Every structure is written in structure tokens, then in C-alpha cells.
Amino acid sequence: MNIGILGGTFDPIHVGHLVVAEEARVKLGLSEVLFLPAGQPWLKVDRIVTPAIHRVDMVRLAIAGNPYFKLCTLEVKCDGPSYSIDTITALRSQLGAQSFFFILGNDSLAGFHLWKEPAKLVQMCRLVVVPRLGLSLTDLNSLETRIPGLVHNVTQLDAPIMEVSSSEIRQRVAQGLSIRYLVPDKVGEYIVEQKLYASGRA
């Protein structure tokens, strides 16, 4: 099977995440897409992150209507910072010799050489790069010098560019503005019920 992996803090999950996952599923012929909420993202160790129980619940609500979307809580169950290479290794052990497609934004690819064991990660899964508004595609040749083999293991996903971000949603909630149509209705209701983001944390 071809399995897509979409990791993220999902603080909160929004329509942009869902559009990207569906585009990848259809255009790359993926059997399913795993949504992987991060436990403590190593790139955000200096930032307050909403407790995992809420972020997991919001992902569960967001993907409930799509039978091809699955929730994977592997990273939130880990102690300390979570790293993609450890997650992929665990998934390969659990699921066997599947073909994994790791979905990430172009902005994340630019700093990919800073990730834990990036060369090994490239060997274990195909990178699916999603365009981001205002960002040109990272110079793959320059990354190739740091991570040999990367150029031949990257797929550029032709997906709609959604100008929405989790930080913007948190700011809008804090300001009392509507987030309808930026997040699934059930997620919006959950944010209200649980009083998330009302403190103004961006």
C-alpha cells in the first residue's frame, strides 16, 4: 500500500490540512493518509503548545467524515520531543514494507537538512512537497549537496494554496472573530466548548 503521512502540531487542524491530504491521496494514489499530531515538536520546544488531548480530539473530529483519513497517535505517546525519523521507523515496524509518502510544506523542506538523520529519512520514504504562498520551491540542488539522494526522492504536489494558518486561527479566536469555514464545523464547536485560544496565545 501507498500510505501518506501528514504530521503537524495541528493547533488547531484547519481546512488547509484537509485539502492537502485529499489532494495527495487522489493525485498520488494513496491508500490512506495518516494524520500524525506531534507530541512536543522539537522545532517548537520554546513555544507553548495546546495539550495533546485537545489537538488529538480536534483531528479526530476533522477527519471523521473521510474513510481514507486515519488518526495516528504514535508521537503524542512519546516522552520528550518527537522526530520524524523515529516515527517512520516505528511505522515501518508496525505496518511492514509499505511505501510511505511524507507530506510537508515547502518551508519545512528548506530546513530539512536540520532534521534528525535527514539522509536516512529520505531513504525510508518519499517526500511530497506542498507549495506555500509567497515561497518559491526550495533549491533542491543545494539541498542535494547536504542530503545526497534527495532530488530523486521528492514529488512536488500540485495543490491549491490555502492562505490559512493555525496561528491566524488562534489569533482570530482570541479577538472574538469568526473562524467558520477556516476549520471544520465540529472543530470550531470544540474550540468554543473547551475555551481554547481565548487567552490570546498566538
Protein backbone atom coordinates (compact mmCIF):
# COMPACT_ATOMS: atom_id res chain seq x y z
CA MET A 1 0.00 0.00 0.00
CA ASN A 2 0.94 3.61 -0.53
CA ILE A 3 0.48 5.44 2.77
CA GLY A 4 0.58 9.20 3.16
CA ILE A 5 1.81 10.76 6.38
CA LEU A 6 0.77 14.28 7.35
CA GLY A 7 2.36 15.34 10.60
CA GLY A 8 1.94 18.61 12.39
CA THR A 9 1.13 20.32 15.63
CA PHE A 10 -2.48 20.73 14.46
CA ASP A 11 -3.03 23.56 16.92
CA PRO A 12 -5.69 23.59 15.56
CA ILE A 13 -6.16 21.46 12.45
CA HIS A 14 -7.76 23.52 9.66
CA VAL A 15 -9.19 23.19 6.16
CA GLY A 16 -5.77 23.70 4.57
CA HIS A 17 -4.52 20.47 6.16
CA LEU A 18 -7.54 18.57 4.88
CA VAL A 19 -7.28 19.93 1.33
CA VAL A 20 -3.60 18.99 1.11
CA ALA A 21 -4.25 15.48 2.45
CA GLU A 22 -7.07 14.87 -0.03
CA GLU A 23 -5.07 16.23 -2.98
CA ALA A 24 -2.15 13.97 -2.07
CA ARG A 25 -4.43 10.97 -1.66
CA VAL A 26 -6.06 11.41 -5.05
CA LYS A 27 -3.09 12.54 -7.14
CA LEU A 28 -0.57 10.10 -5.68
CA GLY A 29 -2.94 7.14 -5.41
CA LEU A 30 -2.58 6.78 -1.66
CA SER A 31 -4.49 4.02 0.10
CA GLU A 32 -4.82 6.19 3.20
CA VAL A 33 -3.41 9.29 4.84
CA LEU A 34 -2.25 9.14 8.45
CA PHE A 35 -2.71 12.33 10.45
CA LEU A 36 0.07 12.44 12.99
CA PRO A 37 -0.30 15.06 15.76
CA ALA A 38 3.09 15.89 17.23
CA GLY A 39 3.75 15.36 20.90
CA GLN A 40 6.33 18.03 21.67
CA PRO A 41 7.65 19.23 18.28
CA TRP A 42 11.42 19.64 18.51
CA LEU A 43 11.23 22.80 16.40
CA LYS A 44 8.77 24.35 18.85
CA VAL A 45 10.28 23.44 22.20
CA ASP A 46 10.28 27.13 23.17
CA ARG A 47 6.57 27.58 22.40
CA ILE A 48 3.53 26.72 24.46
CA VAL A 49 1.50 24.08 22.65
CA THR A 50 -2.09 23.15 23.43
CA PRO A 51 -2.27 19.84 25.37
CA ALA A 52 -2.18 16.83 23.08
CA ILE A 53 -5.56 15.54 24.24
CA HIS A 54 -7.27 18.57 22.66
CA ARG A 55 -5.22 18.52 19.46
CA VAL A 56 -5.89 14.80 19.01
CA ASP A 57 -9.62 15.26 19.62
CA MET A 58 -9.75 18.08 17.03
CA VAL A 59 -8.00 15.92 14.42
CA ARG A 60 -10.39 13.06 15.16
CA LEU A 61 -13.38 15.37 14.63
CA ALA A 62 -11.91 16.90 11.48
CA ILE A 63 -11.24 13.63 9.64
CA ALA A 64 -14.28 11.65 10.82
CA GLY A 65 -16.10 12.03 7.51
CA ASN A 66 -13.32 10.68 5.29
CA PRO A 67 -12.76 6.90 5.39
CA TYR A 68 -9.29 7.31 3.84
CA PHE A 69 -8.06 9.54 6.66
CA LYS A 70 -6.73 7.85 9.80
CA LEU A 71 -5.54 9.23 13.14
CA CYS A 72 -2.15 8.07 14.38
CA THR A 73 -1.23 8.95 17.97
CA LEU A 74 2.27 7.49 17.87
CA GLU A 75 4.05 10.78 18.54
CA VAL A 76 1.80 12.11 21.30
CA LYS A 77 2.50 8.94 23.27
CA CYS A 78 6.25 9.56 23.22
CA ASP A 79 8.11 11.26 26.03
CA GLY A 80 10.13 14.32 25.03
CA PRO A 81 10.49 15.86 21.56
CA SER A 82 9.24 13.84 18.58
CA TYR A 83 11.34 13.25 15.46
CA SER A 84 10.06 12.15 12.05
CA ILE A 85 12.79 9.55 11.56
CA ASP A 86 11.78 7.77 14.78
CA THR A 87 8.12 7.88 13.77
CA ILE A 88 8.76 6.45 10.29
CA THR A 89 10.93 3.72 11.78
CA ALA A 90 8.14 2.77 14.20
CA LEU A 91 5.51 2.82 11.45
CA ARG A 92 7.62 0.57 9.22
CA SER A 93 7.97 -1.83 12.12
CA GLN A 94 4.21 -1.81 12.79
CA LEU A 95 2.88 -1.79 9.23
CA GLY A 96 5.57 -3.69 7.35
CA ALA A 97 7.11 -2.88 3.97
CA GLN A 98 4.66 -0.22 2.85
CA SER A 99 5.52 2.76 0.63
CA PHE A 100 5.41 5.90 2.75
CA PHE A 101 4.82 9.39 1.35
CA PHE A 102 5.82 12.07 3.83
CA ILE A 103 3.85 15.28 3.17
CA LEU A 104 5.49 18.56 4.15
CA GLY A 105 5.37 22.23 3.23
CA ASN A 106 7.98 23.91 1.07
CA ASP A 107 9.01 25.99 4.08
CA SER A 108 9.77 22.80 6.03
CA LEU A 109 11.80 21.39 3.14
CA ALA A 110 14.05 24.46 3.24
CA GLY A 111 15.21 23.44 6.71
CA PHE A 112 15.11 19.72 6.09
CA HIS A 113 18.88 19.37 6.46
CA LEU A 114 18.46 20.36 10.13
CA TRP A 115 16.13 17.45 10.86
CA LYS A 116 17.34 14.35 12.68
CA GLU A 117 19.03 11.95 10.21
CA PRO A 118 17.56 13.54 7.05
CA ALA A 119 19.53 11.29 4.67
CA LYS A 120 18.11 8.18 6.33
CA LEU A 121 14.60 9.65 6.29
CA VAL A 122 14.84 10.26 2.53
CA GLN A 123 15.76 6.60 2.03
CA MET A 124 12.75 5.43 4.05
CA CYS A 125 10.01 7.49 2.46
CA ARG A 126 9.22 9.76 -0.47
CA LEU A 127 8.92 13.47 0.30
CA VAL A 128 5.79 15.17 -1.02
CA VAL A 129 6.32 18.92 -1.09
CA VAL A 130 3.33 21.24 -0.84
CA PRO A 131 3.58 24.82 -2.16
CA ARG A 132 3.19 27.68 0.30
CA LEU A 133 2.01 31.18 -0.53
CA GLY A 134 4.86 33.60 -1.19
CA LEU A 135 7.54 30.92 -1.13
CA SER A 136 9.38 29.64 -4.17
CA LEU A 137 10.31 25.99 -4.35
CA THR A 138 13.39 25.31 -2.32
CA ASP A 139 16.52 24.89 -4.41
CA LEU A 140 16.70 21.11 -4.46
CA ASN A 141 20.19 21.06 -5.92
CA SER A 142 21.59 22.97 -2.96
CA LEU A 143 19.86 20.57 -0.58
CA GLU A 144 21.21 17.64 -2.58
CA THR A 145 24.76 18.63 -1.63
CA ARG A 146 23.81 18.25 2.03
CA ILE A 147 21.45 15.27 1.62
CA PRO A 148 22.59 13.01 -1.24
CA GLY A 149 19.68 11.28 -2.97
CA LEU A 150 17.09 13.86 -2.03
CA VAL A 151 16.46 15.24 -5.55
CA HIS A 152 15.32 11.87 -6.87
CA ASN A 153 13.01 11.25 -3.93
CA VAL A 154 10.90 14.42 -3.95
CA THR A 155 7.47 14.86 -5.51
CA GLN A 156 6.02 18.34 -5.91
CA LEU A 157 2.29 18.26 -5.17
CA ASP A 158 0.16 20.48 -7.37
CA ALA A 159 -2.39 21.52 -4.75
CA PRO A 160 -4.45 24.66 -4.12
CA ILE A 161 -2.58 27.15 -1.95
CA MET A 162 -4.70 27.83 1.13
CA GLU A 163 -3.91 31.12 2.81
CA VAL A 164 -4.81 29.94 6.29
CA SER A 165 -2.64 29.04 9.27
CA SER A 166 -3.14 27.71 12.76
CA SER A 167 -1.56 30.81 14.27
CA GLU A 168 -4.03 33.02 12.39
CA ILE A 169 -6.92 30.92 13.69
CA ARG A 170 -5.66 31.20 17.28
CA GLN A 171 -5.39 34.97 16.89
CA ARG A 172 -8.91 35.23 15.46
CA VAL A 173 -10.36 33.24 18.35
CA ALA A 174 -8.57 35.47 20.85
CA GLN A 175 -10.00 38.52 19.10
CA GLY A 176 -13.51 37.12 19.08
CA LEU A 177 -13.59 36.80 15.28
CA SER A 178 -15.31 34.04 13.34
CA ILE A 179 -13.29 31.02 12.22
CA ARG A 180 -16.17 29.43 10.36
CA TYR A 181 -15.03 27.85 7.07
CA LEU A 182 -11.39 28.02 8.26
CA VAL A 183 -11.88 24.88 10.35
CA PRO A 184 -14.48 22.09 10.10
CA ASP A 185 -17.67 22.96 11.99
CA LYS A 186 -17.09 20.27 14.60
CA VAL A 187 -13.62 21.62 15.31
CA GLY A 188 -14.98 25.15 15.67
CA GLU A 189 -17.59 23.90 18.13
CA TYR A 190 -14.92 22.03 20.10
CA ILE A 191 -12.75 25.14 20.36
CA VAL A 192 -15.69 27.07 21.79
CA GLU A 193 -16.73 24.29 24.19
CA GLN A 194 -13.20 23.81 25.52
CA LYS A 195 -12.46 27.56 25.60
CA LEU A 196 -9.26 27.07 23.59
CA TYR A 197 -7.13 30.02 22.42
CA ALA A 198 -9.19 32.59 24.30
CA SER A 199 -6.10 33.68 26.22
CA GLY A 200 -4.63 35.31 23.14
CA ARG A 201 -1.67 32.93 22.67
CA ALA A 202 -0.51 33.17 19.06
